[in-house]
Protein backbone atom coordinates (compact mmCIF):
# COMPACT_ATOMS: atom_id res chain seq x y z
CA MET A 1 102.66 17.43 16.27
CA THR A 2 102.15 14.49 13.91
CA PRO A 3 98.89 12.57 14.59
CA GLY A 4 99.39 9.14 16.16
CA PHE A 5 98.29 7.00 13.21
CA ASP A 6 99.61 5.80 9.89
CA THR A 7 97.93 5.36 6.53
CA ILE A 8 97.06 1.84 5.40
CA ASP A 9 99.85 0.17 3.42
CA LEU A 10 98.19 -2.03 0.80
CA LEU A 11 101.45 -3.59 -0.40
CA ASP A 12 104.16 -5.37 1.55
CA GLY A 13 106.73 -2.96 0.18
CA GLN A 14 104.91 -0.07 1.88
CA VAL A 15 105.60 2.20 -1.08
CA PHE A 16 102.84 4.70 -1.83
CA GLN A 17 102.09 3.92 -5.47
CA VAL A 18 100.68 6.27 -8.10
CA THR A 19 99.72 4.77 -11.46
CA TRP A 20 99.32 7.53 -14.03
CA ASP A 21 97.29 6.48 -17.06
CA LEU A 22 98.18 8.92 -19.84
CA GLY A 23 95.32 7.80 -22.09
CA ARG A 24 94.04 5.05 -24.37
CA ARG A 25 96.11 5.92 -27.46
CA CYS A 26 98.46 3.10 -28.48
CA SER A 27 100.82 2.41 -31.37
CA TYR A 28 99.78 -1.27 -31.34
CA ASP A 29 96.42 -2.94 -31.91
CA CYS A 30 96.86 -6.35 -30.26
CA SER A 31 93.87 -8.66 -30.68
CA TYR A 32 93.98 -9.72 -27.02
CA CYS A 33 93.91 -6.15 -25.67
CA PRO A 34 90.29 -5.01 -25.20
CA SER A 35 89.11 -1.64 -26.54
CA HIS A 36 88.67 -0.12 -23.09
CA ARG A 37 92.46 -0.42 -22.68
CA HIS A 38 93.64 0.96 -26.02
CA ASP A 39 92.66 2.71 -29.21
CA GLN A 40 94.33 4.65 -32.02
CA HIS A 41 92.26 7.83 -31.96
CA SER A 42 91.94 9.21 -28.41
CA PRO A 43 93.23 12.80 -28.12
CA PHE A 44 96.42 13.56 -26.21
CA ALA A 45 96.31 15.72 -23.10
CA SER A 46 98.16 19.01 -23.49
CA LEU A 47 101.59 19.43 -21.91
CA ASP A 48 100.15 22.32 -19.88
CA ASP A 49 97.50 20.06 -18.36
CA LEU A 50 100.04 17.33 -17.70
CA LYS A 51 102.30 19.76 -15.85
CA LYS A 52 99.34 20.82 -13.69
CA ASN A 53 98.76 17.15 -12.90
CA VAL A 54 102.42 16.75 -11.88
CA HIS A 55 101.99 19.63 -9.43
CA PHE A 56 98.78 18.10 -8.04
CA ILE A 57 100.24 14.59 -7.72
CA PHE A 58 103.26 15.75 -5.74
CA LYS A 59 101.12 17.90 -3.45
CA TYR A 60 98.86 14.90 -2.89
CA ILE A 61 101.77 12.57 -2.15
CA SER A 62 103.34 15.17 0.13
CA LEU A 63 100.11 15.46 2.10
CA TYR A 64 99.92 11.70 2.57
CA MET A 65 103.55 11.50 3.62
CA LYS A 66 102.74 13.62 6.67
CA TYR A 67 100.81 10.63 7.99
CA ARG A 68 103.08 7.81 6.85
CA SER A 69 105.96 6.28 8.74
CA TYR A 70 107.48 4.88 5.50
CA LYS A 71 108.12 7.93 3.34
CA SER A 72 108.61 6.39 -0.07
CA ALA A 73 106.51 6.74 -3.21
CA SER A 74 106.53 5.60 -6.82
CA ILE A 75 104.97 7.01 -9.97
CA ASN A 76 104.37 4.70 -12.93
CA PHE A 77 103.35 6.07 -16.33
CA THR A 78 101.10 3.76 -18.32
CA GLY A 79 98.35 3.77 -20.96
CA GLY A 80 97.55 2.84 -23.75
CA GLU A 81 101.14 3.39 -24.77
CA PRO A 82 102.46 6.38 -22.78
CA THR A 83 105.63 6.93 -24.81
CA ILE A 84 103.74 7.88 -27.99
CA HIS A 85 102.49 11.06 -26.34
CA PRO A 86 104.25 13.82 -28.33
CA ASN A 87 105.34 15.50 -25.08
CA PHE A 88 106.29 12.40 -23.11
CA ALA A 89 110.01 13.31 -22.92
CA GLU A 90 109.17 16.81 -21.69
CA LEU A 91 106.66 15.43 -19.20
CA ILE A 92 109.06 13.03 -17.49
CA GLU A 93 111.81 15.64 -17.37
CA HIS A 94 109.40 18.12 -15.76
CA THR A 95 108.28 15.45 -13.27
CA ARG A 96 111.86 14.66 -12.24
CA VAL A 97 112.85 18.32 -11.94
CA GLU A 98 109.80 19.20 -9.83
CA PHE A 99 110.46 16.31 -7.47
CA GLU A 100 114.17 17.05 -7.11
CA SER A 101 113.66 20.78 -6.62
CA GLN A 102 110.70 20.71 -4.23
CA TYR A 103 110.14 17.29 -2.66
CA ALA A 104 113.36 15.29 -2.53
CA ASN A 105 113.98 16.42 1.06
CA LYS A 106 110.49 15.26 2.11
CA PHE A 107 110.22 11.72 0.71
CA LYS A 108 111.81 9.28 -1.71
CA CYS A 109 110.22 8.75 -5.11
CA THR A 110 111.05 6.35 -7.92
CA MET A 111 109.60 6.83 -11.39
CA ALA A 112 108.85 4.19 -14.01
CA VAL A 113 107.03 3.54 -17.26
CA THR A 114 105.18 0.50 -18.60
CA SER A 115 105.62 0.33 -22.37
CA ASN A 116 105.56 -1.85 -25.48
CA GLY A 117 109.16 -0.71 -26.00
CA ALA A 118 108.68 0.57 -29.55
CA MET A 119 109.81 4.14 -28.85
CA ASN A 120 112.58 5.88 -30.80
CA LYS A 121 116.11 6.40 -29.50
CA LYS A 122 115.48 9.99 -28.42
CA VAL A 123 112.56 9.04 -26.18
CA ALA A 124 114.59 6.12 -24.81
CA GLU A 125 117.39 8.53 -23.87
CA ALA A 126 114.89 10.74 -22.03
CA ILE A 127 113.61 7.69 -20.15
CA LEU A 128 117.14 6.73 -19.11
CA LYS A 129 117.85 10.27 -17.95
CA ASN A 130 114.65 10.93 -16.03
CA LEU A 131 113.19 7.62 -14.84
CA ASN A 132 114.39 4.69 -12.71
CA HIS A 133 112.73 1.72 -14.37
CA ILE A 134 110.94 0.48 -17.48
CA THR A 135 108.72 -2.56 -17.91
CA ILE A 136 108.60 -3.66 -21.55
CA SER A 137 105.97 -6.08 -22.80
CA TYR A 138 106.89 -7.85 -26.05
CA HIS A 139 103.89 -8.37 -28.36
CA ALA A 140 104.42 -10.76 -31.26
CA GLU A 141 101.50 -9.37 -33.31
CA ALA A 142 103.40 -6.14 -34.02
CA SER A 143 105.14 -5.53 -37.33
CA VAL A 144 108.67 -6.84 -37.92
CA ILE A 145 109.98 -3.27 -38.04
CA LEU A 146 108.48 -2.42 -34.63
CA LYS A 147 109.68 -5.66 -33.05
CA GLU A 148 113.23 -5.01 -34.24
CA GLN A 149 113.00 -1.54 -32.72
CA VAL A 150 111.86 -3.06 -29.43
CA LYS A 151 114.92 -5.32 -29.41
CA ARG A 152 117.19 -2.32 -30.02
CA ARG A 153 115.62 -0.52 -27.08
CA ILE A 154 116.02 -3.59 -24.86
CA VAL A 155 119.73 -3.65 -25.71
CA GLN A 156 120.02 0.10 -25.12
CA PHE A 157 118.31 0.01 -21.72
CA SER A 158 120.23 -3.08 -20.63
CA LYS A 159 123.63 -1.67 -21.60
CA GLU A 160 123.24 1.95 -20.54
CA GLY A 161 120.91 1.52 -17.57
CA PRO A 162 123.12 -0.02 -14.86
CA ALA A 163 125.57 2.91 -14.76
CA LEU A 164 122.61 5.26 -14.25
CA GLY A 165 120.89 3.16 -11.57
CA PHE A 166 118.21 2.34 -14.13
CA ASN A 167 116.74 -1.14 -14.54
CA ILE A 168 114.46 -3.01 -16.91
CA SER A 169 111.81 -5.74 -16.63
CA ILE A 170 110.56 -7.68 -19.65
CA ASN A 171 107.26 -9.49 -20.08
CA VAL A 172 107.15 -11.82 -23.09
CA MET A 173 103.49 -12.09 -24.04
CA PHE A 174 103.30 -15.65 -25.37
CA HIS A 175 100.89 -15.47 -28.29
CA ALA A 176 99.79 -19.07 -28.98
CA ALA A 177 100.10 -18.57 -32.75
CA TYR A 178 103.59 -17.03 -32.43
CA PHE A 179 104.90 -19.44 -29.81
CA GLU A 180 108.12 -20.30 -31.67
CA GLU A 181 108.90 -16.61 -32.17
CA CYS A 182 108.42 -15.99 -28.45
CA LEU A 183 110.70 -18.93 -27.66
CA GLY A 184 113.32 -17.45 -29.98
CA LEU A 185 113.09 -14.10 -28.19
CA CYS A 186 113.57 -15.83 -24.83
CA GLN A 187 116.66 -17.61 -26.15
CA TRP A 188 118.00 -14.26 -27.41
CA LEU A 189 117.38 -12.69 -24.00
CA ASP A 190 119.07 -15.66 -22.30
CA SER A 191 122.12 -15.25 -24.54
CA MET A 192 122.42 -11.64 -23.36
CA GLU A 193 121.71 -12.56 -19.71
CA ILE A 194 118.64 -10.33 -19.67
CA ARG A 195 115.91 -11.47 -17.33
CA TYR A 196 112.31 -11.81 -18.50
CA VAL A 197 108.96 -13.28 -17.52
CA PRO A 198 106.96 -15.39 -20.00
CA ARG A 199 103.29 -14.46 -19.76
CA ILE A 200 100.27 -16.55 -20.70
CA ILE A 201 97.61 -14.48 -22.48
CA GLY A 202 94.38 -14.97 -20.62
CA GLU A 203 93.11 -12.05 -18.59
CA GLU A 204 89.53 -12.20 -19.84
CA PRO A 205 86.92 -15.00 -19.58
CA GLU A 206 87.68 -18.04 -21.73
CA SER A 207 84.52 -17.43 -23.76
CA ALA A 208 86.29 -14.42 -25.29
CA SER A 209 88.77 -16.46 -27.34
CA ASN A 210 90.90 -13.50 -28.45
CA PHE A 211 91.53 -12.48 -24.86
CA ALA A 212 92.36 -15.94 -23.49
CA HIS A 213 94.58 -18.08 -25.69
CA SER A 214 94.34 -21.85 -25.85
CA TYR A 215 97.73 -23.53 -25.65
CA THR A 216 98.73 -27.01 -26.78
CA GLN A 217 99.88 -29.57 -24.23
CA ALA A 218 103.46 -29.14 -25.43
CA GLN A 219 103.24 -25.38 -24.98
CA LEU A 220 101.83 -25.76 -21.48
CA GLU A 221 104.63 -28.20 -20.68
CA TRP A 222 107.15 -25.55 -21.71
CA PHE A 223 105.65 -23.08 -19.22
CA LYS A 224 105.63 -25.75 -16.51
CA ASN A 225 109.27 -26.66 -17.11
CA TYR A 226 110.32 -23.01 -17.25
CA TRP A 227 108.79 -22.23 -13.88
CA ASN A 228 110.03 -25.46 -12.30
CA GLU A 229 113.59 -24.69 -13.41
CA ASN A 230 113.45 -21.08 -12.30
CA THR A 231 111.88 -21.93 -8.95
CA ALA A 232 114.67 -24.44 -8.38
CA LYS A 233 117.28 -21.78 -9.21
CA VAL A 234 115.73 -19.29 -6.78
CA ASN A 235 115.56 -21.88 -4.00
CA TYR A 236 119.13 -22.95 -4.67
CA GLU A 237 120.47 -19.42 -4.58
């Protein structure tokens, strides 16, 4: 007999969320990302260890689901930059197969990744095949070559995703010194009818200037107008 209580749902959506941090290693070195969030030297976990973690995570979720009325979970891979792990494609395929073969009849589970989007085509294909969602954050400090690759991946996910039930979210990190470039990216996304969210850089205290950008009045007006227009659209619809 199931006990007469439910676990606490911390989010309105009631989905049991697992955020899996694959490590600090990142292909970027953004000035506004503190060192405790990224580096370019941390070792990668072995595929063997990652597979053991997959087994543990699903057993853990399954245990919780016994006491939940809303039997839905999500797993989000993050970092650092998770897609640069040399076994990332194998990991997400293993995660999907284990869920489908052992747990799909017990609870629902969506799988996602948060990324800078600069992965190669092969990794992107694995993401489309094995996951349900990607959140891409565009960082203007990256090299031109990497940023062009990000745009190719955005096009790939946007074109191929819908038929697979896969969707994409885009955060445009508005670097104050690259504001015009970020505006140009937004216009490009608009032309392709791809939704995005412009993000102000400012997670850390203002005393840490790299981590909290100072914007001109004109730049702040752009943000204000953007949100006013989009709020009006949402209310109208």
